[in-house]
């Protein structure tokens, strides 16, 4: 604060009529790997997660694993049902219900997609609970990032393995 302070009453009261300066939004730390739903910011998560494995035990789909004593998601063989059991089981609040529900993964559609090969298919769009995927004839499906939460249900529904889940860090 480089502003000089006016000690008289008029100066003091006139300060209340000036608009309040907004605090700058905190920067979000990019995630190096996929984390469970409701994970706090990556820098805070690295401090809070103690590798106890309670989230791992609570996950009904067995998609959480520990790497370097930190919880991460592996959606290679299953999807995240977003049930919230991992959040309930976390004793350190590294997973917290107040954090928006978004897994930092997004589907990537490869050219082996049936729709791209001119065979009509709507499997991924039908499986998406967020309706984040739209399919046009003779083209790769398109994703609406703002609707997608990264659960991976589209990937498990694709019987041609044309969908891979890739890391996504919103900026």
N, C-alpha and C. Protein backbone atom coordinates (compact mmCIF):
# COMPACT_ATOMS: atom_id res chain seq x y z
N UNK A 1 0.84 -1.17 0.00
CA UNK A 1 0.00 0.00 0.00
C UNK A 1 0.88 1.23 0.00
N UNK A 2 0.97 1.87 -1.12
CA UNK A 2 1.77 3.06 -1.24
C UNK A 2 0.94 4.32 -1.03
N UNK A 3 -0.35 4.19 -0.84
CA UNK A 3 -1.22 5.34 -0.71
C UNK A 3 -0.98 5.99 0.65
N UNK A 4 -0.96 7.34 0.63
CA UNK A 4 -0.81 8.04 1.90
C UNK A 4 -2.14 8.00 2.65
N UNK A 5 -2.07 7.95 3.94
CA UNK A 5 -3.27 7.84 4.77
C UNK A 5 -3.72 9.24 5.18
N UNK A 6 -4.98 9.55 4.89
CA UNK A 6 -5.56 10.83 5.28
C UNK A 6 -6.19 10.63 6.66
N UNK A 7 -5.67 11.30 7.66
CA UNK A 7 -6.11 11.07 9.03
C UNK A 7 -7.38 11.81 9.40
N UNK A 8 -7.84 12.73 8.57
CA UNK A 8 -9.06 13.43 8.95
C UNK A 8 -10.29 12.56 8.69
N UNK A 9 -11.39 12.91 9.29
CA UNK A 9 -12.60 12.10 9.23
C UNK A 9 -13.16 11.99 7.81
N UNK A 10 -13.14 13.07 7.07
CA UNK A 10 -13.66 13.05 5.70
C UNK A 10 -12.86 12.07 4.83
N UNK A 11 -11.56 12.11 4.95
CA UNK A 11 -10.70 11.21 4.20
C UNK A 11 -10.95 9.75 4.57
N UNK A 12 -11.12 9.55 5.88
CA UNK A 12 -11.39 8.19 6.36
C UNK A 12 -12.70 7.66 5.79
N UNK A 13 -13.76 8.43 5.85
CA UNK A 13 -15.08 8.00 5.36
C UNK A 13 -15.12 7.88 3.84
N UNK A 14 -14.36 8.72 3.13
CA UNK A 14 -14.38 8.64 1.67
C UNK A 14 -13.74 7.34 1.19
N UNK A 15 -12.89 6.73 1.98
CA UNK A 15 -12.29 5.44 1.60
C UNK A 15 -13.35 4.36 1.47
N UNK A 16 -14.46 4.48 2.22
CA UNK A 16 -15.52 3.48 2.14
C UNK A 16 -16.31 3.57 0.85
N UNK A 17 -16.27 4.70 0.17
CA UNK A 17 -17.03 4.85 -1.07
C UNK A 17 -16.26 4.31 -2.27
N UNK A 18 -14.99 3.98 -2.10
CA UNK A 18 -14.19 3.45 -3.20
C UNK A 18 -14.45 1.96 -3.34
N UNK A 19 -14.41 1.46 -4.58
CA UNK A 19 -14.66 0.03 -4.76
C UNK A 19 -13.57 -0.82 -4.11
N UNK A 20 -13.97 -1.96 -3.66
CA UNK A 20 -13.04 -2.89 -3.05
C UNK A 20 -12.27 -3.61 -4.16
N UNK A 21 -10.98 -3.69 -4.00
CA UNK A 21 -10.17 -4.40 -4.99
C UNK A 21 -10.33 -5.89 -4.77
N UNK A 22 -10.57 -6.60 -5.87
CA UNK A 22 -10.73 -8.05 -5.79
C UNK A 22 -9.39 -8.73 -5.56
N UNK A 23 -9.43 -9.74 -4.75
CA UNK A 23 -8.22 -10.53 -4.53
C UNK A 23 -7.94 -11.34 -5.80
N UNK A 24 -6.69 -11.47 -6.14
CA UNK A 24 -6.36 -12.25 -7.31
C UNK A 24 -6.65 -13.72 -7.03
N UNK A 25 -7.14 -14.39 -8.07
CA UNK A 25 -7.44 -15.81 -7.90
C UNK A 25 -6.13 -16.58 -7.75
N UNK A 26 -6.16 -17.52 -6.84
CA UNK A 26 -4.97 -18.34 -6.63
C UNK A 26 -4.72 -19.21 -7.86
N UNK A 27 -3.46 -19.38 -8.19
CA UNK A 27 -3.13 -20.21 -9.33
C UNK A 27 -3.32 -21.67 -8.98
N UNK A 28 -3.79 -22.41 -9.94
CA UNK A 28 -4.01 -23.84 -9.75
C UNK A 28 -2.75 -24.58 -10.17
N UNK A 29 -2.27 -25.45 -9.29
CA UNK A 29 -1.08 -26.23 -9.58
C UNK A 29 -1.45 -27.36 -10.53
N UNK A 30 -0.76 -27.48 -11.67
CA UNK A 30 -1.08 -28.57 -12.61
C UNK A 30 -0.82 -29.94 -11.98
N UNK A 31 -1.64 -30.89 -12.33
CA UNK A 31 -1.51 -32.25 -11.80
C UNK A 31 -0.64 -33.09 -12.74
N UNK A 32 0.34 -33.81 -12.20
CA UNK A 32 1.19 -34.64 -13.05
C UNK A 32 0.53 -35.97 -13.43
N UNK A 33 -0.46 -36.40 -12.63
CA UNK A 33 -1.19 -37.64 -12.88
C UNK A 33 -2.66 -37.43 -12.52
N UNK A 34 -3.48 -38.39 -12.88
CA UNK A 34 -4.90 -38.31 -12.54
C UNK A 34 -5.08 -38.58 -11.05
N UNK A 35 -5.89 -37.76 -10.41
CA UNK A 35 -6.16 -37.90 -8.98
C UNK A 35 -7.61 -38.30 -8.77
N UNK A 36 -7.94 -38.86 -7.60
CA UNK A 36 -9.33 -39.23 -7.30
C UNK A 36 -10.25 -38.00 -7.32
N UNK A 37 -11.55 -38.23 -7.41
CA UNK A 37 -12.50 -37.11 -7.41
C UNK A 37 -12.39 -36.28 -6.13
N UNK A 38 -12.69 -35.01 -6.24
CA UNK A 38 -12.69 -34.06 -5.12
C UNK A 38 -11.31 -33.87 -4.49
N UNK A 39 -10.25 -33.99 -5.30
CA UNK A 39 -8.89 -33.78 -4.79
C UNK A 39 -8.61 -32.29 -4.67
N UNK A 40 -8.04 -31.89 -3.55
CA UNK A 40 -7.66 -30.49 -3.35
C UNK A 40 -6.54 -30.13 -4.32
N UNK A 41 -6.15 -28.86 -4.37
CA UNK A 41 -5.09 -28.42 -5.27
C UNK A 41 -3.85 -29.30 -5.10
N UNK A 42 -3.14 -29.54 -6.18
CA UNK A 42 -2.02 -30.49 -6.21
C UNK A 42 -0.96 -30.18 -5.16
N UNK A 43 -0.61 -28.92 -4.98
CA UNK A 43 0.42 -28.57 -3.99
C UNK A 43 -0.05 -28.93 -2.57
N UNK A 44 -1.30 -28.66 -2.28
CA UNK A 44 -1.85 -29.00 -0.97
C UNK A 44 -2.03 -30.50 -0.84
N UNK A 45 -2.45 -31.15 -1.91
CA UNK A 45 -2.64 -32.60 -1.90
C UNK A 45 -1.33 -33.32 -1.56
N UNK A 46 -0.23 -32.87 -2.15
CA UNK A 46 1.07 -33.51 -1.89
C UNK A 46 1.45 -33.41 -0.41
N UNK A 47 0.97 -32.39 0.27
CA UNK A 47 1.25 -32.24 1.70
C UNK A 47 0.28 -33.02 2.57
N UNK A 48 -0.99 -33.07 2.15
CA UNK A 48 -2.01 -33.71 2.99
C UNK A 48 -2.06 -35.22 2.84
N UNK A 49 -1.90 -35.73 1.63
CA UNK A 49 -2.02 -37.17 1.42
C UNK A 49 -0.82 -37.87 2.05
N UNK A 50 -1.11 -38.73 3.01
CA UNK A 50 -0.04 -39.43 3.72
C UNK A 50 0.14 -40.87 3.26
N UNK A 51 -0.57 -41.26 2.21
CA UNK A 51 -0.41 -42.61 1.67
C UNK A 51 -1.01 -43.69 2.54
N UNK A 52 -2.03 -43.35 3.34
CA UNK A 52 -2.61 -44.33 4.26
C UNK A 52 -3.36 -45.45 3.53
N UNK A 53 -3.85 -45.18 2.33
CA UNK A 53 -4.53 -46.20 1.54
C UNK A 53 -6.00 -46.41 1.87
N UNK A 54 -6.58 -45.56 2.70
CA UNK A 54 -7.99 -45.71 3.05
C UNK A 54 -8.89 -45.49 1.83
N UNK A 55 -8.53 -44.55 0.96
CA UNK A 55 -9.32 -44.31 -0.25
C UNK A 55 -9.25 -45.52 -1.17
N UNK A 56 -8.09 -46.13 -1.22
CA UNK A 56 -7.88 -47.33 -2.03
C UNK A 56 -8.78 -48.47 -1.56
N UNK A 57 -8.87 -48.66 -0.28
CA UNK A 57 -9.71 -49.71 0.29
C UNK A 57 -11.20 -49.43 0.09
N UNK A 58 -11.57 -48.16 0.12
CA UNK A 58 -12.98 -47.78 0.03
C UNK A 58 -13.52 -47.78 -1.41
N UNK A 59 -12.66 -47.72 -2.39
CA UNK A 59 -13.08 -47.61 -3.79
C UNK A 59 -13.72 -48.91 -4.28
N UNK A 60 -15.03 -48.90 -4.61
CA UNK A 60 -15.70 -50.12 -5.06
C UNK A 60 -15.26 -50.57 -6.45
N UNK A 61 -14.68 -49.67 -7.25
CA UNK A 61 -14.27 -50.02 -8.61
C UNK A 61 -12.78 -50.33 -8.72
N UNK A 62 -12.06 -50.22 -7.62
CA UNK A 62 -10.63 -50.52 -7.57
C UNK A 62 -9.83 -49.73 -8.61
N UNK A 63 -10.10 -48.43 -8.72
CA UNK A 63 -9.37 -47.60 -9.68
C UNK A 63 -8.36 -46.68 -9.02
N UNK A 64 -8.26 -46.73 -7.69
CA UNK A 64 -7.29 -45.89 -6.98
C UNK A 64 -6.09 -46.75 -6.61
N UNK A 65 -4.91 -46.20 -6.83
CA UNK A 65 -3.67 -46.88 -6.46
C UNK A 65 -2.73 -45.86 -5.83
N UNK A 66 -1.72 -46.34 -5.15
CA UNK A 66 -0.72 -45.47 -4.54
C UNK A 66 0.55 -45.49 -5.36
N UNK A 67 1.10 -44.32 -5.60
CA UNK A 67 2.38 -44.20 -6.28
C UNK A 67 3.16 -43.12 -5.54
N UNK A 68 4.32 -43.45 -5.06
CA UNK A 68 5.14 -42.55 -4.24
C UNK A 68 4.33 -42.04 -3.04
N UNK A 69 3.56 -42.92 -2.45
CA UNK A 69 2.72 -42.65 -1.28
C UNK A 69 1.65 -41.58 -1.52
N UNK A 70 1.24 -41.39 -2.77
CA UNK A 70 0.16 -40.47 -3.12
C UNK A 70 -0.90 -41.23 -3.92
N UNK A 71 -2.16 -40.95 -3.63
CA UNK A 71 -3.27 -41.60 -4.34
C UNK A 71 -3.38 -41.06 -5.75
N UNK A 72 -3.60 -41.99 -6.68
CA UNK A 72 -3.84 -41.60 -8.06
C UNK A 72 -4.84 -42.57 -8.68
N UNK A 73 -5.44 -42.14 -9.80
CA UNK A 73 -6.42 -42.97 -10.49
C UNK A 73 -5.78 -43.74 -11.62
N UNK A 74 -6.26 -44.95 -11.82
CA UNK A 74 -5.87 -45.75 -12.97
C UNK A 74 -7.16 -46.25 -13.61
N UNK A 75 -7.55 -45.63 -14.71
CA UNK A 75 -8.79 -46.00 -15.39
C UNK A 75 -8.55 -46.93 -16.57
N UNK A 76 -7.43 -47.67 -16.55
CA UNK A 76 -7.13 -48.57 -17.65
C UNK A 76 -8.11 -49.74 -17.74
N UNK A 77 -8.62 -50.21 -16.62
CA UNK A 77 -9.45 -51.41 -16.64
C UNK A 77 -10.85 -51.20 -16.09
N UNK A 78 -11.13 -50.03 -15.60
CA UNK A 78 -12.46 -49.75 -15.04
C UNK A 78 -12.70 -48.25 -15.09
N UNK A 79 -13.88 -47.84 -14.70
CA UNK A 79 -14.25 -46.43 -14.68
C UNK A 79 -14.45 -45.98 -13.24
N UNK A 80 -14.48 -44.68 -13.04
CA UNK A 80 -14.78 -44.13 -11.73
C UNK A 80 -16.27 -43.86 -11.69
N UNK A 81 -16.95 -44.43 -10.73
CA UNK A 81 -18.41 -44.25 -10.63
C UNK A 81 -18.78 -42.96 -9.89
N UNK A 82 -17.79 -42.22 -9.43
CA UNK A 82 -18.00 -40.95 -8.73
C UNK A 82 -18.89 -41.12 -7.51
N UNK A 83 -18.75 -42.25 -6.83
CA UNK A 83 -19.60 -42.58 -5.69
C UNK A 83 -19.28 -41.76 -4.44
N UNK A 84 -18.04 -41.26 -4.33
CA UNK A 84 -17.65 -40.45 -3.18
C UNK A 84 -17.16 -41.25 -1.99
N UNK A 85 -17.05 -42.56 -2.11
CA UNK A 85 -16.57 -43.38 -0.99
C UNK A 85 -15.13 -43.04 -0.61
N UNK A 86 -14.32 -42.68 -1.59
CA UNK A 86 -12.93 -42.32 -1.31
C UNK A 86 -12.87 -41.03 -0.48
N UNK A 87 -13.77 -40.10 -0.78
CA UNK A 87 -13.81 -38.83 -0.04
C UNK A 87 -14.21 -39.09 1.41
N UNK A 88 -15.21 -39.95 1.61
CA UNK A 88 -15.65 -40.27 2.97
C UNK A 88 -14.55 -40.96 3.77
N UNK A 89 -13.73 -41.76 3.09
CA UNK A 89 -12.71 -42.55 3.77
C UNK A 89 -11.43 -41.77 4.06
N UNK A 90 -11.23 -40.64 3.40
CA UNK A 90 -9.97 -39.89 3.52
C UNK A 90 -9.88 -39.20 4.88
N UNK A 91 -8.94 -39.63 5.75
CA UNK A 91 -8.82 -39.01 7.07
C UNK A 91 -8.05 -37.70 7.07
N UNK A 92 -7.30 -37.42 6.00
CA UNK A 92 -6.44 -36.22 5.99
C UNK A 92 -7.05 -35.04 5.24
N UNK A 93 -8.25 -35.20 4.69
CA UNK A 93 -8.92 -34.16 3.88
C UNK A 93 -8.16 -33.81 2.60
N UNK A 94 -7.32 -34.70 2.11
CA UNK A 94 -6.69 -34.50 0.80
C UNK A 94 -7.75 -34.64 -0.29
N UNK A 95 -8.81 -35.39 0.02
CA UNK A 95 -10.00 -35.48 -0.82
C UNK A 95 -11.10 -34.83 0.00
N UNK A 96 -11.72 -33.78 -0.55
CA UNK A 96 -12.70 -33.04 0.23
C UNK A 96 -13.93 -32.74 -0.60
N UNK A 97 -15.11 -32.96 -0.04
CA UNK A 97 -16.37 -32.80 -0.76
C UNK A 97 -16.62 -31.37 -1.24
N UNK A 98 -15.96 -30.39 -0.67
CA UNK A 98 -16.17 -29.00 -1.10
C UNK A 98 -15.47 -28.67 -2.42
N UNK A 99 -14.54 -29.53 -2.84
CA UNK A 99 -13.82 -29.31 -4.09
C UNK A 99 -14.70 -29.79 -5.25
N UNK A 100 -14.79 -29.02 -6.33
CA UNK A 100 -15.63 -29.44 -7.46
C UNK A 100 -15.25 -30.82 -7.99
N UNK A 101 -16.25 -31.55 -8.42
CA UNK A 101 -16.05 -32.92 -8.90
C UNK A 101 -15.51 -32.89 -10.33
N UNK A 102 -14.23 -33.14 -10.48
CA UNK A 102 -13.61 -33.21 -11.79
C UNK A 102 -12.33 -34.02 -11.68
N UNK A 103 -12.28 -35.08 -12.46
CA UNK A 103 -11.07 -35.88 -12.56
C UNK A 103 -10.28 -35.26 -13.71
N UNK A 104 -9.01 -35.05 -13.53
CA UNK A 104 -8.23 -34.35 -14.55
C UNK A 104 -7.83 -35.25 -15.72
N UNK A 105 -8.82 -35.96 -16.24
CA UNK A 105 -8.65 -36.77 -17.45
C UNK A 105 -9.73 -36.39 -18.44
N UNK A 106 -9.42 -36.51 -19.72
CA UNK A 106 -10.40 -36.29 -20.77
C UNK A 106 -10.21 -37.37 -21.83
N UNK A 107 -11.30 -37.81 -22.46
CA UNK A 107 -11.17 -38.82 -23.50
C UNK A 107 -10.52 -38.26 -24.76
N UNK A 108 -9.72 -39.08 -25.38
CA UNK A 108 -9.12 -38.77 -26.68
C UNK A 108 -9.58 -39.86 -27.64
N UNK A 109 -10.16 -39.46 -28.75
CA UNK A 109 -10.73 -40.40 -29.70
C UNK A 109 -9.73 -40.66 -30.82
N UNK A 110 -9.41 -41.93 -31.04
CA UNK A 110 -8.44 -42.30 -32.08
C UNK A 110 -9.17 -42.58 -33.39
N UNK A 111 -8.40 -42.73 -34.44
CA UNK A 111 -8.99 -42.94 -35.77
C UNK A 111 -9.50 -44.36 -35.97
N UNK A 112 -9.37 -45.20 -34.96
CA UNK A 112 -9.97 -46.54 -35.06
C UNK A 112 -11.42 -46.54 -34.60
N UNK A 113 -11.95 -45.35 -34.32
CA UNK A 113 -13.35 -45.21 -33.93
C UNK A 113 -14.26 -45.65 -35.08
N UNK A 114 -15.25 -46.46 -34.76
CA UNK A 114 -16.18 -46.94 -35.79
C UNK A 114 -16.85 -45.80 -36.54
N UNK A 115 -17.18 -44.76 -35.85
CA UNK A 115 -17.85 -43.63 -36.49
C UNK A 115 -16.94 -42.99 -37.53
N UNK A 116 -15.66 -42.89 -37.22
CA UNK A 116 -14.69 -42.34 -38.16
C UNK A 116 -14.53 -43.26 -39.37
N UNK A 117 -14.71 -44.55 -39.14
CA UNK A 117 -14.59 -45.54 -40.22
C UNK A 117 -15.91 -45.76 -40.96
N UNK A 118 -16.83 -44.83 -40.81
CA UNK A 118 -18.12 -44.82 -41.49
C UNK A 118 -19.04 -45.96 -41.07
N UNK A 119 -18.91 -46.40 -39.82
CA UNK A 119 -19.84 -47.35 -39.24
C UNK A 119 -20.50 -46.64 -38.06
N UNK A 120 -21.78 -46.43 -38.14
CA UNK A 120 -22.46 -45.63 -37.13
C UNK A 120 -22.33 -46.25 -35.74
N UNK A 121 -21.89 -45.43 -34.80
CA UNK A 121 -21.74 -45.88 -33.42
C UNK A 121 -22.00 -44.69 -32.50
N UNK A 122 -22.75 -44.93 -31.44
CA UNK A 122 -23.07 -43.89 -30.45
C UNK A 122 -22.74 -44.37 -29.03
N UNK A 123 -21.96 -45.43 -28.89
CA UNK A 123 -21.70 -46.04 -27.58
C UNK A 123 -21.15 -45.06 -26.56
N UNK A 124 -20.13 -44.30 -26.94
CA UNK A 124 -19.50 -43.38 -25.98
C UNK A 124 -20.46 -42.26 -25.58
N UNK A 125 -21.19 -41.74 -26.54
CA UNK A 125 -22.14 -40.66 -26.25
C UNK A 125 -23.27 -41.16 -25.36
N UNK A 126 -23.72 -42.37 -25.60
CA UNK A 126 -24.80 -42.95 -24.78
C UNK A 126 -24.34 -43.24 -23.36
N UNK A 127 -23.08 -43.63 -23.21
CA UNK A 127 -22.56 -44.00 -21.89
C UNK A 127 -22.20 -42.79 -21.04
N UNK A 128 -22.04 -41.64 -21.64
CA UNK A 128 -21.59 -40.45 -20.89
C UNK A 128 -22.72 -39.90 -20.03
N UNK A 129 -22.58 -39.95 -18.70
CA UNK A 129 -23.65 -39.44 -17.83
C UNK A 129 -23.77 -37.92 -17.87
N UNK A 130 -22.74 -37.23 -18.34
CA UNK A 130 -22.75 -35.77 -18.39
C UNK A 130 -23.20 -35.23 -19.76
N UNK A 131 -23.42 -36.11 -20.72
CA UNK A 131 -23.79 -35.72 -22.10
C UNK A 131 -22.74 -34.78 -22.68
N UNK A 132 -21.47 -35.12 -22.44
CA UNK A 132 -20.36 -34.28 -22.88
C UNK A 132 -19.83 -34.67 -24.25
N UNK A 133 -20.36 -35.73 -24.84
CA UNK A 133 -19.86 -36.22 -26.13
C UNK A 133 -20.96 -36.12 -27.16
N UNK A 134 -20.62 -35.58 -28.32
CA UNK A 134 -21.56 -35.56 -29.43
C UNK A 134 -20.90 -36.24 -30.62
N UNK A 135 -21.71 -36.94 -31.40
CA UNK A 135 -21.20 -37.71 -32.52
C UNK A 135 -21.89 -37.25 -33.80
N UNK A 136 -21.08 -36.86 -34.77
CA UNK A 136 -21.58 -36.53 -36.10
C UNK A 136 -21.21 -37.67 -37.05
N UNK A 137 -21.98 -37.84 -38.07
CA UNK A 137 -21.74 -38.92 -39.03
C UNK A 137 -20.36 -38.77 -39.67
N UNK A 138 -19.69 -39.88 -39.85
CA UNK A 138 -18.41 -39.97 -40.55
C UNK A 138 -17.30 -39.11 -39.94
N UNK A 139 -17.31 -38.92 -38.64
CA UNK A 139 -16.26 -38.14 -38.00
C UNK A 139 -16.01 -38.62 -36.60
N UNK A 140 -14.90 -38.17 -36.04
CA UNK A 140 -14.60 -38.53 -34.66
C UNK A 140 -15.58 -37.83 -33.73
N UNK A 141 -15.94 -38.46 -32.62
CA UNK A 141 -16.80 -37.79 -31.63
C UNK A 141 -16.13 -36.52 -31.13
N UNK A 142 -16.93 -35.56 -30.74
CA UNK A 142 -16.36 -34.33 -30.19
C UNK A 142 -16.74 -34.22 -28.72
N UNK A 143 -15.86 -33.62 -27.97
CA UNK A 143 -16.01 -33.51 -26.52
C UNK A 143 -16.27 -32.07 -26.13
N UNK A 144 -17.17 -31.87 -25.20
CA UNK A 144 -17.43 -30.57 -24.62
C UNK A 144 -16.74 -30.57 -23.24
N UNK A 145 -15.53 -30.00 -23.18
CA UNK A 145 -14.71 -30.03 -21.97
C UNK A 145 -15.41 -29.52 -20.73
N UNK A 146 -16.23 -28.49 -20.89
CA UNK A 146 -16.88 -27.89 -19.72
C UNK A 146 -17.91 -28.83 -19.10
N UNK A 147 -18.41 -29.81 -19.86
CA UNK A 147 -19.38 -30.76 -19.32
C UNK A 147 -18.72 -32.04 -18.80
N UNK A 148 -17.57 -32.38 -19.32
CA UNK A 148 -16.89 -33.64 -18.98
C UNK A 148 -16.29 -33.56 -17.58
N UNK A 149 -16.44 -34.65 -16.81
CA UNK A 149 -15.82 -34.71 -15.48
C UNK A 149 -14.71 -35.75 -15.41
N UNK A 150 -14.40 -36.40 -16.53
CA UNK A 150 -13.27 -37.32 -16.59
C UNK A 150 -13.49 -38.69 -16.00
N UNK A 151 -14.73 -39.13 -15.84
CA UNK A 151 -15.03 -40.40 -15.15
C UNK A 151 -14.56 -41.64 -15.91
N UNK A 152 -14.46 -41.57 -17.24
CA UNK A 152 -13.98 -42.71 -18.02
C UNK A 152 -15.05 -43.69 -18.46
N UNK A 153 -16.31 -43.38 -18.22
CA UNK A 153 -17.38 -44.30 -18.63
C UNK A 153 -17.44 -44.45 -20.15
N UNK A 154 -17.07 -43.40 -20.87
CA UNK A 154 -17.05 -43.48 -22.33
C UNK A 154 -16.00 -44.50 -22.79
N UNK A 155 -14.85 -44.49 -22.13
CA UNK A 155 -13.76 -45.39 -22.52
C UNK A 155 -14.14 -46.85 -22.31
N UNK A 156 -14.77 -47.15 -21.18
CA UNK A 156 -15.13 -48.55 -20.92
C UNK A 156 -16.27 -49.01 -21.81
N UNK A 157 -17.06 -48.09 -22.35
CA UNK A 157 -18.17 -48.47 -23.22
C UNK A 157 -17.72 -48.74 -24.65
N UNK A 158 -16.54 -48.28 -25.01
CA UNK A 158 -16.05 -48.41 -26.39
C UNK A 158 -15.47 -49.81 -26.61
N UNK A 159 -16.16 -50.61 -27.40
CA UNK A 159 -15.72 -51.99 -27.61
C UNK A 159 -14.58 -52.11 -28.62
N UNK A 160 -14.21 -51.02 -29.29
CA UNK A 160 -13.08 -51.06 -30.21
C UNK A 160 -11.81 -50.44 -29.60
N UNK A 161 -11.86 -50.05 -28.34
CA UNK A 161 -10.73 -49.41 -27.66
C UNK A 161 -10.22 -48.19 -28.42
N UNK A 162 -11.14 -47.40 -28.95
CA UNK A 162 -10.78 -46.21 -29.71
C UNK A 162 -10.66 -44.97 -28.82
N UNK A 163 -10.84 -45.15 -27.51
CA UNK A 163 -10.78 -44.01 -26.60
C UNK A 163 -9.68 -44.25 -25.57
N UNK A 164 -8.82 -43.26 -25.42
CA UNK A 164 -7.83 -43.28 -24.36
C UNK A 164 -8.10 -42.07 -23.47
N UNK A 165 -7.78 -42.19 -22.21
CA UNK A 165 -7.97 -41.08 -21.28
C UNK A 165 -6.63 -40.38 -21.12
N UNK A 166 -6.63 -39.07 -21.36
CA UNK A 166 -5.40 -38.30 -21.29
C UNK A 166 -5.51 -37.21 -20.22
N UNK A 167 -4.37 -36.87 -19.65
CA UNK A 167 -4.31 -35.84 -18.62
C UNK A 167 -4.80 -34.51 -19.17
N UNK A 168 -5.57 -33.83 -18.34
CA UNK A 168 -6.14 -32.53 -18.72
C UNK A 168 -6.01 -31.59 -17.53
N UNK A 169 -5.34 -30.49 -17.74
CA UNK A 169 -5.22 -29.46 -16.71
C UNK A 169 -5.85 -28.19 -17.22
N UNK A 170 -6.99 -27.85 -16.66
CA UNK A 170 -7.70 -26.64 -17.07
C UNK A 170 -6.89 -25.43 -16.63
N UNK A 171 -6.81 -24.45 -17.50
CA UNK A 171 -6.10 -23.24 -17.10
C UNK A 171 -7.01 -22.06 -16.99
